[in-house]
Amino acid sequence: LVEKFGIDPNNAFAFWDWVGGRYSVYSAVGVLPLSLQYGFSVVEKFLKGASSIDQHFKSTSLEENIPVLLGLLSVWNVSFLGYPARAILPYSQALEKFAPHIQQVSMESNGKGV
């Protein structure tokens, strides 16, 4: 398909459709382009940050648990206030891809059901 899209297959990284986490930035597939762009020392800090929030989620009480509170706010906004969507309004051209990125993250979190 990459050749049909106009990319030389020699310039593509192939992986099977059964590889888990193909759409996750934290997977081996997702980390590869980040590593090539920014270097692994930067990506390692990124992964440590992800691990840090995972540990926060596992070990923090519900009253102070940031991912739990954000999830509850989302449920409140959708279920009780009737807001089925969120607005992300980038204030800079450099953030033009931020809203689609957050949409992708949200779909990953929701099991690609949206």
C-alpha atoms as a PDB file:
ATOM      1  CA  LEU A   1       0.000   0.000   0.000  1.00  0.00           C
ATOM      2  CA  VAL A   2       2.871   2.415   0.618  1.00  0.00           C
ATOM      3  CA  GLU A   3       4.000   1.994  -2.981  1.00  0.00           C
ATOM      4  CA  LYS A   4       0.453   2.679  -4.175  1.00  0.00           C
ATOM      5  CA  PHE A   5       0.512   5.804  -1.993  1.00  0.00           C
ATOM      6  CA  GLY A   6       3.720   6.910  -3.759  1.00  0.00           C
ATOM      7  CA  ILE A   7       6.357   5.867  -1.202  1.00  0.00           C
ATOM      8  CA  ASP A   8       9.257   3.629  -2.113  1.00  0.00           C
ATOM      9  CA  PRO A   9       8.752   0.380  -0.131  1.00  0.00           C
ATOM     10  CA  ASN A  10      12.478   0.449   0.705  1.00  0.00           C
ATOM     11  CA  ASN A  11      11.752   3.570   2.769  1.00  0.00           C
ATOM     12  CA  ALA A  12       8.940   1.989   4.805  1.00  0.00           C
ATOM     13  CA  PHE A  13       9.017   0.060   8.060  1.00  0.00           C
ATOM     14  CA  ALA A  14       6.841  -3.007   7.725  1.00  0.00           C
ATOM     15  CA  PHE A  15       5.030  -4.690  10.579  1.00  0.00           C
ATOM     16  CA  TRP A  16       2.249  -7.222  10.784  1.00  0.00           C
ATOM     17  CA  ASP A  17      -1.363  -6.313  11.538  1.00  0.00           C
ATOM     18  CA  TRP A  18      -1.281  -8.533  14.639  1.00  0.00           C
ATOM     19  CA  VAL A  19       1.383  -6.367  16.317  1.00  0.00           C
ATOM     20  CA  GLY A  20      -0.247  -4.968  19.467  1.00  0.00           C
ATOM     21  CA  GLY A  21      -0.327  -1.251  20.137  1.00  0.00           C
ATOM     22  CA  ARG A  22       0.140  -0.238  16.512  1.00  0.00           C
ATOM     23  CA  TYR A  23      -1.747   2.989  17.175  1.00  0.00           C
ATOM     24  CA  SER A  24      -0.221   3.787  20.559  1.00  0.00           C
ATOM     25  CA  VAL A  25       2.573   6.328  20.828  1.00  0.00           C
ATOM     26  CA  TYR A  26       3.989   4.212  23.676  1.00  0.00           C
ATOM     27  CA  SER A  27       4.326   1.020  21.630  1.00  0.00           C
ATOM     28  CA  ALA A  28       7.463  -0.087  19.814  1.00  0.00           C
ATOM     29  CA  VAL A  29       5.844   1.049  16.566  1.00  0.00           C
ATOM     30  CA  GLY A  30       4.910   4.451  18.008  1.00  0.00           C
ATOM     31  CA  VAL A  31       8.244   5.044  19.716  1.00  0.00           C
ATOM     32  CA  LEU A  32      10.279   4.331  16.580  1.00  0.00           C
ATOM     33  CA  PRO A  33       9.455   7.554  14.696  1.00  0.00           C
ATOM     34  CA  LEU A  34       9.787   9.600  17.884  1.00  0.00           C
ATOM     35  CA  SER A  35      13.226   8.107  18.472  1.00  0.00           C
ATOM     36  CA  LEU A  36      14.298   8.839  14.918  1.00  0.00           C
ATOM     37  CA  GLN A  37      13.050  12.430  15.141  1.00  0.00           C
ATOM     38  CA  TYR A  38      14.125  13.396  18.678  1.00  0.00           C
ATOM     39  CA  GLY A  39      16.676  10.800  19.756  1.00  0.00           C
ATOM     40  CA  PHE A  40      16.181   8.102  22.319  1.00  0.00           C
ATOM     41  CA  SER A  41      17.302  10.224  25.278  1.00  0.00           C
ATOM     42  CA  VAL A  42      14.252  12.478  24.735  1.00  0.00           C
ATOM     43  CA  VAL A  43      11.954   9.491  24.129  1.00  0.00           C
ATOM     44  CA  GLU A  44      13.238   7.847  27.295  1.00  0.00           C
ATOM     45  CA  LYS A  45      12.148  10.927  29.290  1.00  0.00           C
ATOM     46  CA  PHE A  46       8.782  10.760  27.521  1.00  0.00           C
ATOM     47  CA  LEU A  47       8.354   7.089  28.493  1.00  0.00           C
ATOM     48  CA  LYS A  48       9.389   7.814  32.086  1.00  0.00           C
ATOM     49  CA  GLY A  49       6.703  10.504  32.209  1.00  0.00           C
ATOM     50  CA  ALA A  50       4.113   7.999  30.979  1.00  0.00           C
ATOM     51  CA  SER A  51       5.259   5.519  33.601  1.00  0.00           C
ATOM     52  CA  SER A  52       5.018   8.219  36.247  1.00  0.00           C
ATOM     53  CA  ILE A  53       1.357   8.931  35.472  1.00  0.00           C
ATOM     54  CA  ASP A  54       0.650   5.177  35.403  1.00  0.00           C
ATOM     55  CA  GLN A  55       2.118   4.905  38.903  1.00  0.00           C
ATOM     56  CA  HIS A  56       0.131   7.968  40.008  1.00  0.00           C
ATOM     57  CA  PHE A  57      -3.060   6.323  38.713  1.00  0.00           C
ATOM     58  CA  LYS A  58      -2.335   3.048  40.513  1.00  0.00           C
ATOM     59  CA  SER A  59      -1.258   4.505  43.841  1.00  0.00           C
ATOM     60  CA  THR A  60      -3.188   7.754  44.399  1.00  0.00           C
ATOM     61  CA  SER A  61      -6.523   7.992  46.201  1.00  0.00           C
ATOM     62  CA  LEU A  62      -9.546   8.663  44.016  1.00  0.00           C
ATOM     63  CA  GLU A  63      -9.963  12.154  45.468  1.00  0.00           C
ATOM     64  CA  GLU A  64      -6.522  13.199  44.167  1.00  0.00           C
ATOM     65  CA  ASN A  65      -6.179  10.883  41.169  1.00  0.00           C
ATOM     66  CA  ILE A  66      -5.806  13.072  38.072  1.00  0.00           C
ATOM     67  CA  PRO A  67      -6.794  10.461  35.424  1.00  0.00           C
ATOM     68  CA  VAL A  68      -9.823   9.397  37.492  1.00  0.00           C
ATOM     69  CA  LEU A  69     -10.916  13.017  38.002  1.00  0.00           C
ATOM     70  CA  LEU A  70     -10.522  13.800  34.291  1.00  0.00           C
ATOM     71  CA  GLY A  71     -12.552  10.692  33.412  1.00  0.00           C
ATOM     72  CA  LEU A  72     -15.291  11.644  35.871  1.00  0.00           C
ATOM     73  CA  LEU A  73     -15.394  15.179  34.468  1.00  0.00           C
ATOM     74  CA  SER A  74     -15.810  13.728  30.988  1.00  0.00           C
ATOM     75  CA  VAL A  75     -18.676  11.481  32.153  1.00  0.00           C
ATOM     76  CA  TRP A  76     -20.289  14.455  33.936  1.00  0.00           C
ATOM     77  CA  ASN A  77     -19.999  16.703  30.883  1.00  0.00           C
ATOM     78  CA  VAL A  78     -21.440  14.079  28.511  1.00  0.00           C
ATOM     79  CA  SER A  79     -24.043  12.415  30.731  1.00  0.00           C
ATOM     80  CA  PHE A  80     -25.340  15.239  32.893  1.00  0.00           C
ATOM     81  CA  LEU A  81     -24.553  18.437  31.019  1.00  0.00           C
ATOM     82  CA  GLY A  82     -25.195  16.992  27.554  1.00  0.00           C
ATOM     83  CA  TYR A  83     -21.886  18.053  26.011  1.00  0.00           C
ATOM     84  CA  PRO A  84     -20.951  15.170  23.662  1.00  0.00           C
ATOM     85  CA  ALA A  85     -17.670  16.729  22.546  1.00  0.00           C
ATOM     86  CA  ARG A  86     -14.802  18.862  23.766  1.00  0.00           C
ATOM     87  CA  ALA A  87     -13.242  21.850  22.064  1.00  0.00           C
ATOM     88  CA  ILE A  88      -9.488  22.130  21.791  1.00  0.00           C
ATOM     89  CA  LEU A  89      -8.538  25.486  20.356  1.00  0.00           C
ATOM     90  CA  PRO A  90      -4.839  25.809  19.512  1.00  0.00           C
ATOM     91  CA  TYR A  91      -3.513  29.312  20.024  1.00  0.00           C
ATOM     92  CA  SER A  92      -0.468  28.836  17.804  1.00  0.00           C
ATOM     93  CA  GLN A  93       0.231  27.461  14.328  1.00  0.00           C
ATOM     94  CA  ALA A  94       2.792  25.141  15.928  1.00  0.00           C
ATOM     95  CA  LEU A  95      -0.116  23.386  17.714  1.00  0.00           C
ATOM     96  CA  GLU A  96      -2.207  22.790  14.586  1.00  0.00           C
ATOM     97  CA  LYS A  97      -1.887  18.996  14.942  1.00  0.00           C
ATOM     98  CA  PHE A  98      -2.656  18.982  18.684  1.00  0.00           C
ATOM     99  CA  ALA A  99      -6.460  18.627  18.392  1.00  0.00           C
ATOM    100  CA  PRO A 100      -6.260  15.606  16.021  1.00  0.00           C
ATOM    101  CA  HIS A 101      -3.634  14.091  18.341  1.00  0.00           C
ATOM    102  CA  ILE A 102      -5.938  14.424  21.359  1.00  0.00           C
ATOM    103  CA  GLN A 103      -8.766  12.917  19.288  1.00  0.00           C
ATOM    104  CA  GLN A 104      -6.536   9.906  18.524  1.00  0.00           C
ATOM    105  CA  VAL A 105      -5.538   9.555  22.192  1.00  0.00           C
ATOM    106  CA  SER A 106      -9.194   9.673  23.193  1.00  0.00           C
ATOM    107  CA  MET A 107     -10.116   6.986  20.659  1.00  0.00           C
ATOM    108  CA  GLU A 108      -7.274   4.781  21.930  1.00  0.00           C
ATOM    109  CA  SER A 109      -8.505   5.233  25.488  1.00  0.00           C
ATOM    110  CA  ASN A 110     -12.071   4.412  24.488  1.00  0.00           C
ATOM    111  CA  GLY A 111     -11.170   1.271  22.566  1.00  0.00           C
ATOM    112  CA  LYS A 112     -11.595   2.952  19.193  1.00  0.00           C
ATOM    113  CA  GLY A 113     -15.350   2.919  19.733  1.00  0.00           C
ATOM    114  CA  VAL A 114     -15.861   6.568  18.866  1.00  0.00           C
END
